[in-house]
Protein backbone atom coordinates (compact mmCIF):
# COMPACT_ATOMS: atom_id res chain seq x y z
CA MET A 1 87.04 74.32 118.27
CA THR A 2 87.88 72.29 114.68
CA ALA A 3 86.98 74.41 111.14
CA LEU A 4 83.62 72.52 110.95
CA ALA A 5 82.54 73.09 114.23
CA THR A 6 83.51 77.26 113.50
CA THR A 7 82.14 77.15 110.17
CA GLU A 8 78.83 75.49 111.23
CA SER A 9 78.06 78.41 113.59
CA LEU A 10 79.02 80.88 111.29
CA PHE A 11 77.31 79.69 108.37
CA PHE A 12 74.24 77.88 110.31
CA ASP A 13 73.71 78.48 113.49
CA ARG A 14 74.24 82.49 112.94
CA THR A 15 72.28 82.58 109.85
CA GLY A 16 69.32 80.63 110.36
CA LEU A 17 69.96 78.28 107.17
CA ASP A 18 68.68 75.21 107.67
CA ARG A 19 72.21 72.41 107.27
CA VAL A 20 69.88 69.70 105.97
CA ARG A 21 67.73 72.10 103.64
CA THR A 22 70.91 73.28 102.47
CA GLU A 23 72.19 70.24 101.63
CA ALA A 24 69.08 68.86 99.99
CA LEU A 25 69.21 72.34 97.40
CA VAL A 26 72.28 71.97 96.50
CA ALA A 27 72.12 68.17 95.65
CA ASP A 28 69.27 69.19 93.44
CA ALA A 29 70.78 72.40 91.86
CA LEU A 30 73.63 70.33 90.71
CA LYS A 31 72.24 66.74 89.59
CA GLY A 32 72.95 65.78 86.34
CA ALA A 33 76.26 68.23 86.33
CA ASP A 34 80.21 66.70 86.37
CA ASP A 35 81.21 68.69 89.58
CA GLY A 36 80.62 71.76 91.40
CA GLU A 37 80.05 72.49 95.31
CA LEU A 38 78.55 75.65 97.46
CA TYR A 39 81.30 77.32 98.60
CA PHE A 40 80.57 79.40 101.92
CA GLU A 41 83.05 82.33 102.73
CA TYR A 42 83.11 84.78 106.23
CA ALA A 43 86.33 86.98 106.06
CA GLN A 44 87.60 89.92 108.78
CA SER A 45 90.60 91.99 107.50
CA GLU A 46 92.21 94.94 108.84
CA ALA A 47 94.74 96.97 107.26
CA VAL A 48 96.49 99.64 108.97
CA VAL A 49 99.31 102.27 107.14
CA TRP A 50 101.65 104.76 108.17
CA ASP A 51 103.57 107.23 105.82
CA ASP A 52 104.84 110.75 105.74
CA GLY A 53 104.97 110.72 109.77
CA ARG A 54 101.62 110.37 110.43
CA LEU A 55 99.20 107.52 110.14
CA ARG A 56 97.32 107.98 106.67
CA SER A 57 94.42 105.41 106.86
CA ALA A 58 93.16 102.73 108.49
CA SER A 59 90.30 100.25 107.75
CA TYR A 60 88.39 97.47 109.11
CA ASP A 61 85.62 95.04 106.70
CA THR A 62 83.45 91.82 107.52
CA SER A 63 82.75 90.43 104.51
CA GLN A 64 80.90 87.08 103.71
CA GLY A 65 78.66 85.52 101.16
CA PHE A 66 78.73 81.96 99.15
CA GLY A 67 79.18 80.91 95.50
CA LEU A 68 77.48 77.97 93.72
CA ARG A 69 79.08 76.40 90.90
CA SER A 70 77.82 73.66 88.43
CA VAL A 71 80.58 71.99 86.33
CA ALA A 72 79.32 70.38 83.04
CA GLY A 73 82.31 69.35 80.85
CA GLU A 74 84.51 72.20 79.49
CA THR A 75 81.15 74.35 80.94
CA SER A 76 80.49 75.81 84.19
CA GLY A 77 78.06 77.87 85.64
CA TYR A 78 78.37 80.20 88.52
CA ALA A 79 76.01 82.30 91.25
CA HIS A 80 77.11 84.13 93.76
CA SER A 81 75.77 86.37 96.75
CA SER A 82 76.40 88.19 99.83
CA ALA A 83 73.33 87.22 101.16
CA LEU A 84 73.29 83.88 103.16
CA THR A 85 69.51 83.23 102.99
CA GLU A 86 67.63 80.56 101.42
CA ASP A 87 66.14 82.77 99.06
CA ALA A 88 69.44 83.34 97.80
CA LEU A 89 70.79 80.17 97.83
CA SER A 90 67.38 78.84 95.51
CA ARG A 91 68.00 81.73 93.29
CA ALA A 92 71.58 80.73 92.61
CA ALA A 93 70.58 77.15 92.16
CA ALA A 94 67.67 77.84 89.43
CA THR A 95 70.77 79.89 87.31
CA VAL A 96 73.67 77.20 87.74
CA LYS A 97 70.99 74.52 87.08
CA ALA A 98 70.01 75.59 83.54
CA VAL A 99 73.80 75.40 82.64
CA HIS A 100 73.89 71.45 82.74
CA ALA A 101 69.92 71.26 81.80
CA GLY A 102 70.05 68.07 80.11
CA TYR A 103 73.43 66.96 80.03
CA GLY A 104 73.62 63.85 82.03
CA GLY A 105 77.36 63.96 83.78
CA THR A 106 78.31 61.82 85.73
CA TRP A 107 78.86 62.92 89.30
CA ALA A 108 82.85 63.15 90.19
CA ALA A 109 84.14 61.33 93.28
CA ALA A 110 84.62 63.55 96.23
CA PRO A 111 88.36 64.80 97.37
CA GLN A 112 89.77 62.69 99.64
CA GLY A 113 90.04 64.31 103.48
CA THR A 114 93.04 64.37 105.88
CA ASN A 115 93.75 65.47 109.20
CA ALA A 116 96.30 67.66 108.22
CA ARG A 117 96.61 71.46 109.93
CA LEU A 118 99.13 73.21 108.34
CA TYR A 119 98.35 76.81 110.55
CA GLY A 120 96.41 77.60 113.38
CA ASP A 121 93.01 78.92 113.68
CA GLU A 122 93.40 81.82 115.62
CA ASN A 123 92.14 85.24 114.83
CA PRO A 124 95.28 87.50 114.33
CA LEU A 125 93.50 90.77 114.03
CA GLY A 126 93.01 91.61 117.90
CA THR A 127 96.55 91.12 118.93
CA PRO A 128 97.98 93.45 119.44
CA SER A 129 95.26 95.86 119.62
CA PHE A 130 94.97 99.11 117.16
CA GLU A 131 96.29 101.30 119.37
CA GLU A 132 99.39 99.16 119.57
CA LYS A 133 99.84 98.52 116.10
CA VAL A 134 99.61 102.81 115.52
CA ALA A 135 102.32 102.90 118.29
CA ILE A 136 104.49 100.22 116.70
CA LEU A 137 104.01 102.30 113.15
CA ALA A 138 105.26 105.51 115.14
CA ALA A 139 108.54 103.61 116.43
CA ILE A 140 108.93 101.92 113.14
CA ASP A 141 109.52 105.68 111.62
CA SER A 142 111.23 106.82 114.48
CA TYR A 143 113.64 104.26 114.38
CA ALA A 144 114.15 104.60 110.48
CA ARG A 145 114.59 108.41 110.84
CA GLY A 146 117.19 107.77 113.90
CA ARG A 147 119.19 105.32 111.75
CA ASP A 148 120.55 107.62 108.98
CA PRO A 149 120.13 111.39 108.32
CA ARG A 150 119.30 110.46 104.48
CA VAL A 151 115.90 109.20 105.45
CA ALA A 152 113.60 111.53 103.92
CA GLN A 153 110.61 109.70 103.84
CA VAL A 154 109.32 106.15 105.92
CA SER A 155 105.92 104.20 104.98
CA ALA A 156 104.94 101.05 106.89
CA SER A 157 102.05 99.02 107.05
CA ILE A 158 100.34 96.13 109.18
CA VAL A 159 97.63 94.07 107.42
CA GLY A 160 96.13 90.52 108.29
CA SER A 161 93.05 89.00 107.96
CA TRP A 162 91.20 85.80 108.97
CA GLN A 163 88.75 83.63 106.85
CA ALA A 164 86.75 80.77 107.56
CA VAL A 165 85.46 78.42 104.66
CA ARG A 166 83.00 75.59 104.09
CA ILE A 167 82.79 73.98 101.01
CA VAL A 168 79.33 71.63 100.39
CA ARG A 169 79.12 68.82 97.78
CA ALA A 170 76.28 67.34 96.46
CA ASP A 171 76.94 64.21 97.81
CA GLY A 172 76.74 65.70 101.10
CA GLN A 173 80.55 65.83 101.79
CA HIS A 174 81.33 69.02 103.81
CA ALA A 175 85.01 70.52 104.32
CA ALA A 176 86.19 73.29 105.95
CA ASP A 177 88.78 75.24 106.74
CA ILE A 178 90.02 78.50 108.69
CA ARG A 179 92.53 81.10 107.23
CA PRO A 180 94.84 83.71 109.13
CA ILE A 181 97.39 85.71 107.50
CA VAL A 182 99.50 88.65 108.11
CA ARG A 183 101.69 90.87 106.31
CA VAL A 184 103.94 93.97 107.58
CA ASN A 185 105.79 96.11 105.06
CA VAL A 186 108.39 98.98 105.45
CA SER A 187 109.52 101.07 102.74
CA VAL A 188 112.26 103.73 103.05
CA VAL A 189 113.44 106.83 100.75
CA CYS A 190 116.72 108.66 101.05
CA LYS A 191 117.49 111.36 100.00
CA GLN A 192 121.52 112.21 98.82
CA GLY A 193 121.76 115.74 97.21
CA ASP A 194 119.42 115.51 94.26
CA ARG A 195 119.00 112.22 94.19
CA MET A 196 116.46 109.90 95.83
CA GLU A 197 116.41 106.15 96.31
CA SER A 198 113.88 104.07 98.01
CA GLY A 199 114.19 100.20 99.53
CA SER A 200 111.47 98.18 100.97
CA HIS A 201 111.36 94.79 102.91
CA GLY A 202 108.41 92.85 103.85
CA MET A 203 107.28 89.58 105.76
CA GLY A 204 104.31 87.53 106.68
CA GLY A 205 102.57 83.97 106.79
CA ARG A 206 99.39 82.04 108.18
CA GLN A 207 99.76 83.04 111.75
CA GLY A 208 99.50 85.62 114.24
CA PHE A 209 101.42 89.24 114.40
CA ALA A 210 103.81 88.60 117.33
CA VAL A 211 106.68 86.75 115.50
CA PHE A 212 106.72 89.77 112.97
CA LEU A 213 106.41 92.39 115.26
CA SER A 214 108.81 92.10 117.80
CA PRO A 215 111.40 94.85 118.28
CA ASP A 216 114.05 92.81 116.65
CA ALA A 217 111.47 91.83 113.94
CA TRP A 218 110.67 95.14 112.73
CA GLN A 219 113.58 96.78 113.63
CA GLY A 220 115.18 94.09 111.28
CA ALA A 221 112.92 95.02 108.34
CA VAL A 222 113.64 98.95 108.69
CA ASP A 223 117.20 97.94 108.06
CA GLU A 224 116.70 96.14 105.19
CA ALA A 225 114.80 98.36 103.51
CA LEU A 226 117.20 101.44 104.47
CA ARG A 227 120.28 99.37 103.18
CA GLN A 228 118.39 98.70 100.30
CA ALA A 229 117.68 102.67 99.72
CA LEU A 230 121.39 103.47 100.68
CA VAL A 231 122.57 100.70 97.85
CA ASN A 232 120.91 102.16 95.16
CA LEU A 233 121.87 105.72 96.17
CA GLU A 234 125.43 104.37 94.98
CA ALA A 235 124.21 102.52 91.98
CA VAL A 236 125.71 103.40 88.58
CA ASP A 237 123.18 102.75 85.17
CA ALA A 238 122.92 99.13 84.20
CA PRO A 239 124.52 98.27 81.10
CA ALA A 240 122.71 96.51 78.97
CA GLY A 241 122.98 93.16 76.09
CA GLU A 242 123.40 89.71 76.34
CA MET A 243 125.18 88.45 79.47
CA THR A 244 125.17 85.84 81.98
CA VAL A 245 123.15 86.77 84.81
CA VAL A 246 123.31 85.46 88.74
CA LEU A 247 119.49 85.02 90.53
CA GLY A 248 119.95 85.23 94.18
CA SER A 249 118.26 82.99 96.42
CA GLY A 250 114.58 83.54 97.67
CA TRP A 251 112.56 86.39 96.69
CA PRO A 252 113.78 85.95 92.95
CA GLY A 253 111.84 82.96 92.58
CA ILE A 254 109.16 85.35 91.49
CA LEU A 255 110.75 85.06 88.29
CA LEU A 256 110.49 81.28 88.16
CA HIS A 257 106.72 81.83 89.36
CA GLU A 258 105.81 84.04 86.74
CA ALA A 259 107.95 83.11 83.64
CA VAL A 260 107.80 79.22 84.52
CA GLY A 261 105.00 78.43 86.70
CA HIS A 262 101.95 80.11 85.13
CA GLY A 263 102.83 78.13 81.71
CA LEU A 264 102.18 74.82 84.10
CA GLU A 265 98.96 75.56 85.43
CA GLY A 266 96.41 72.72 84.03
CA ASP A 267 94.15 75.37 82.10
CA PHE A 268 96.50 77.13 79.87
CA ASN A 269 98.07 73.09 78.92
CA ARG A 270 94.16 71.81 78.46
CA LYS A 271 93.86 74.69 76.11
CA LYS A 272 96.86 74.73 74.41
CA THR A 273 97.76 78.14 75.26
CA SER A 274 101.16 77.34 77.17
CA ALA A 275 104.45 77.71 75.81
CA PHE A 276 104.75 74.03 77.91
CA SER A 277 101.78 72.57 76.13
CA GLY A 278 102.39 69.06 74.65
CA LEU A 279 105.82 68.59 76.40
CA MET A 280 104.94 66.47 79.01
CA GLY A 281 107.85 63.86 79.36
CA GLN A 282 110.23 66.02 77.41
CA ARG A 283 113.34 68.07 78.91
CA VAL A 284 112.56 71.37 79.12
CA ALA A 285 115.39 72.65 81.49
CA SER A 286 118.78 72.06 82.34
CA PRO A 287 119.55 69.14 84.41
CA GLY A 288 119.74 69.59 88.21
CA VAL A 289 116.79 71.92 87.39
CA THR A 290 113.79 70.32 89.71
CA VAL A 291 110.57 72.59 90.17
CA LEU A 292 107.65 71.86 92.74
CA ASP A 293 104.64 73.90 93.88
CA ASP A 294 104.28 72.73 97.73
CA GLY A 295 101.17 73.81 99.24
CA THR A 296 102.17 71.79 102.24
CA LEU A 297 104.86 74.24 104.09
CA PRO A 298 103.38 74.96 108.02
CA ASP A 299 102.54 79.10 108.14
CA ARG A 300 103.87 79.66 104.58
CA ARG A 301 101.67 82.95 102.75
CA GLY A 302 101.24 80.51 99.97
CA SER A 303 100.16 76.79 101.69
CA LEU A 304 96.29 75.97 101.86
CA THR A 305 95.05 72.87 104.56
CA ILE A 306 92.61 72.42 101.70
CA ASP A 307 92.00 74.54 98.46
CA ASP A 308 89.06 75.91 97.20
CA GLU A 309 87.24 72.81 96.25
CA GLY A 310 88.03 70.78 99.01
CA THR A 311 91.12 68.78 98.09
CA PRO A 312 93.83 68.80 100.02
CA SER A 313 97.01 70.49 99.25
CA GLN A 314 100.02 68.73 98.47
CA SER A 315 103.75 68.71 97.02
CA THR A 316 104.01 68.64 93.17
CA VAL A 317 106.45 67.81 91.42
CA LEU A 318 106.66 69.74 88.23
CA ILE A 319 109.94 69.54 86.44
CA GLU A 320 112.21 66.72 87.83
CA ASP A 321 115.84 67.01 86.63
CA GLY A 322 115.07 69.33 83.58
CA ILE A 323 112.45 67.02 82.57
CA LEU A 324 108.27 68.04 82.57
CA VAL A 325 106.21 65.44 84.58
CA GLY A 326 103.21 67.29 86.25
CA TYR A 327 100.92 70.22 86.43
CA MET A 328 99.10 71.87 88.93
CA GLN A 329 95.25 71.36 89.00
CA ASP A 330 92.15 72.01 89.97
CA ARG A 331 89.63 69.56 90.05
CA GLN A 332 87.83 70.46 86.05
CA ASN A 333 90.91 70.94 84.29
CA ALA A 334 92.22 67.49 86.11
CA ARG A 335 89.42 65.67 84.70
CA LEU A 336 89.24 67.42 81.50
CA MET A 337 93.15 66.18 81.10
CA GLY A 338 92.28 62.04 82.37
CA MET A 339 94.97 63.84 85.70
CA LYS A 340 94.12 63.89 89.23
CA PRO A 341 93.72 67.43 90.96
CA THR A 342 97.05 68.73 93.06
CA GLY A 343 94.86 70.97 95.71
CA ASN A 344 95.29 74.06 93.35
CA GLY A 345 91.82 75.13 92.65
CA ARG A 346 91.87 78.43 94.36
CA ARG A 347 89.65 81.58 93.81
CA GLN A 348 89.68 84.77 95.57
CA SER A 349 86.59 85.03 97.42
CA TYR A 350 83.09 83.82 97.31
CA ALA A 351 82.24 86.41 94.57
CA HIS A 352 85.18 84.04 91.89
CA HIS A 353 85.18 80.92 90.29
CA PRO A 354 88.15 78.26 91.27
CA MET A 355 90.77 77.99 88.65
CA PRO A 356 94.20 76.50 89.07
CA ARG A 357 96.63 78.60 91.35
CA MET A 358 100.14 78.19 92.34
CA THR A 359 100.57 77.75 96.27
CA ASN A 360 104.55 78.02 97.23
CA THR A 361 106.43 77.71 93.63
CA ILE A 362 109.95 76.38 94.72
CA MET A 363 113.23 74.96 92.73
CA LEU A 364 115.39 73.37 95.00
CA SER A 365 119.11 73.28 95.81
CA GLY A 366 121.51 72.11 93.78
CA SER A 367 125.20 71.62 95.44
CA THR A 368 127.47 74.43 94.23
CA PRO A 369 128.26 77.66 97.07
CA LYS A 370 126.87 80.66 95.90
CA ASP A 371 130.36 82.29 95.97
CA GLU A 372 131.74 79.85 93.32
CA ILE A 373 128.95 80.70 91.11
CA ILE A 374 129.87 84.60 91.17
CA ALA A 375 133.35 83.61 90.91
CA SER A 376 132.45 81.79 87.93
CA VAL A 377 131.15 84.88 85.98
CA ASN A 378 133.99 86.87 84.17
CA LYS A 379 131.32 89.84 83.40
CA GLY A 380 127.82 89.45 84.02
CA LEU A 381 124.72 90.95 86.54
CA TYR A 382 123.65 89.65 89.91
CA ALA A 383 120.16 90.18 90.56
CA VAL A 384 119.25 90.07 94.07
CA SER A 385 115.53 91.44 94.39
CA PHE A 386 112.60 92.24 91.95
CA GLY A 387 109.83 94.11 91.29
CA GLY A 388 107.19 94.24 88.44
CA GLY A 389 107.15 92.38 85.56
CA GLN A 390 105.13 90.85 82.77
CA VAL A 391 104.96 87.36 81.16
CA ASP A 392 103.13 86.19 77.79
CA ILE A 393 101.70 82.82 78.91
CA THR A 394 101.26 81.44 75.30
CA SER A 395 105.20 82.58 74.20
CA GLY A 396 106.50 82.42 77.39
CA LYS A 397 108.28 86.03 76.91
CA PHE A 398 109.43 87.97 80.17
CA VAL A 399 110.51 91.46 80.90
CA PHE A 400 111.20 92.05 85.26
CA SER A 401 112.62 94.83 86.83
CA ALA A 402 115.47 94.29 89.17
CA THR A 403 115.18 96.41 92.29
CA GLU A 404 118.68 95.55 93.61
CA ALA A 405 121.52 94.09 91.41
CA TYR A 406 125.14 94.51 90.90
CA LEU A 407 127.94 94.32 88.47
CA ILE A 408 129.96 91.14 88.17
CA GLU A 409 133.52 91.87 87.02
CA GLY A 410 136.24 89.18 87.00
CA GLY A 411 134.37 86.81 89.40
CA LYS A 412 133.65 89.46 91.85
CA LEU A 413 130.90 91.48 92.84
CA GLY A 414 131.12 94.86 91.24
CA ALA A 415 128.99 98.57 91.71
CA PRO A 416 125.26 98.05 92.47
CA VAL A 417 123.12 98.81 89.24
CA LYS A 418 119.68 100.87 88.53
CA GLY A 419 117.49 100.37 85.75
CA ALA A 420 118.31 96.69 84.99
CA THR A 421 115.47 94.43 83.50
CA LEU A 422 115.53 90.64 82.48
CA ILE A 423 114.22 89.75 79.03
CA GLY A 424 113.89 86.02 78.05
CA ASN A 425 111.48 83.48 77.46
CA GLY A 426 110.77 81.28 80.51
CA PRO A 427 111.50 77.60 78.64
CA ASP A 428 114.62 79.10 77.01
CA ALA A 429 115.78 80.33 79.93
CA LEU A 430 115.55 77.15 82.06
CA THR A 431 117.64 75.15 79.48
CA ARG A 432 120.29 77.79 80.33
CA VAL A 433 120.78 77.45 83.90
CA GLY A 434 124.36 76.72 84.03
CA MET A 435 124.84 76.52 87.97
CA ILE A 436 122.70 75.93 90.96
CA GLY A 437 123.60 76.63 94.28
CA ASP A 438 123.24 75.02 97.64
CA ASP A 439 121.38 77.78 99.37
CA MET A 440 117.39 77.43 98.45
CA GLU A 441 115.64 80.28 100.41
CA LEU A 442 111.64 80.96 100.17
CA ASP A 443 110.80 84.45 100.28
CA PRO A 444 110.14 86.60 103.55
CA GLY A 445 106.33 85.77 102.99
CA ILE A 446 105.05 88.52 100.56
CA GLY A 447 103.66 87.47 97.81
CA THR A 448 100.26 87.89 96.20
CA CYS A 449 99.36 86.38 92.06
CA GLY A 450 97.21 87.96 89.78
CA LYS A 451 95.30 85.74 86.93
CA GLU A 452 92.24 86.97 85.66
CA GLY A 453 91.46 89.46 87.46
CA GLN A 454 91.78 87.35 90.93
CA GLY A 455 94.33 87.97 93.53
CA VAL A 456 95.70 85.00 96.02
CA PRO A 457 98.19 84.74 98.30
CA VAL A 458 101.10 82.66 97.19
CA GLY A 459 104.93 81.81 97.91
CA VAL A 460 108.50 81.48 95.98
CA GLY A 461 111.93 80.28 96.44
CA GLN A 462 115.06 78.89 94.61
CA PRO A 463 118.75 78.94 95.93
CA THR A 464 121.35 80.91 93.77
CA MET A 465 121.60 80.12 90.38
CA ARG A 466 123.27 81.20 86.83
CA ILE A 467 121.59 81.71 83.84
CA ASP A 468 124.04 81.86 80.51
CA GLY A 469 123.33 84.28 77.51
CA LEU A 470 120.03 86.25 79.14
CA THR A 471 119.28 89.57 77.50
CA VAL A 472 119.30 92.49 80.23
CA GLY A 473 117.63 95.91 79.33
CA GLY A 474 119.94 98.73 81.15
CA THR A 475 120.06 102.39 80.67
CA ALA A 476 123.72 103.18 80.55
CA ALA A 477 124.65 105.23 77.12
């Protein structure tokens, strides 16, 4: 069954809403506006969490609702409800009409549709069964504790959702998407004497659980989490000061996402609050640095067949060989900036308005082997994985905590370190990229991005790269 057929059943046949009357209501509500849409959503989600040797929590949720938006210049009106009724739609229409009353806008052209499908539409929640998921979590706990006597605590979770969306425009166009997504996480705490350290690993994507819950997959996740925890047990205090930092491939791309990606979203640049504002066509990074946002990667966590305004996802080049060439755009900001939408209009749910958001943000590979990059550093830091961080979009300043990092001494990896934070400025850091590896790797499917209180799933990726002269905050005396 197609996404349009599935959503026809969910939002019209099941609820009793009349499609023709709904289309007429939307057309009347948005008459005189520049743009807007009715966004339907139906979602099912499940989370099963294991902790401290027992099932800690299990939840299942079903939600539904709509959001109706009108756009008039820089202003937008938004009304939403969990009631899928004509009365609720009529009240929402009255609210958004007030925003553009007397405006007299020019209605924007509809998004160009495609037949692309980037992921399947099967609901992942039913397979495996709840009982089988609990048994797998218990097996994860048992396997981890049997791997090393120093394992003191094991936490694991299995989380999934199935989301159906349908977008109705005032010109009568309909677009729909079915979005499965799953994630499996394992965390291990190891104790040695009075010292306790942790490690974690997660994996996921827009597909069923089968590939992530096979014994090989979950045992590999446990092994990786345990490896990190044991490495951290041997870690020494991180040094502080300005030094050369080598970032590992894959998940360290989260620094690129936060420190650079947000600054290339259309709204910040239209309002001139981004550190990249006004720099289109100028060099903002070292030669060889090419960054893109690609929402078209099959089955990836950050990918979307269509965004939450109905625009098909695309691969958007942001920085090409160090030159700023593009922004990520939703429909409103693209229109106001005289640019084209890029399929980056995203929202957390029907209760949230769309805005420019990243999908899968990636730096492309260079040509230098990883070992050669490490060998080029006399004294520095090799950061393999990151936890939390903070970024100021306007200044570009960032602070990130490394959860796994090593000293580099004489071109060779040295002791693991703890307590290392990377401090810098996103645009400045890009100009300090000295070497780019040939090993671009995507993250394992665990990213969630927050912006203005909304969280959406995202992906990141990058090769190994060397950044010269980055400030490292450490704990060494």
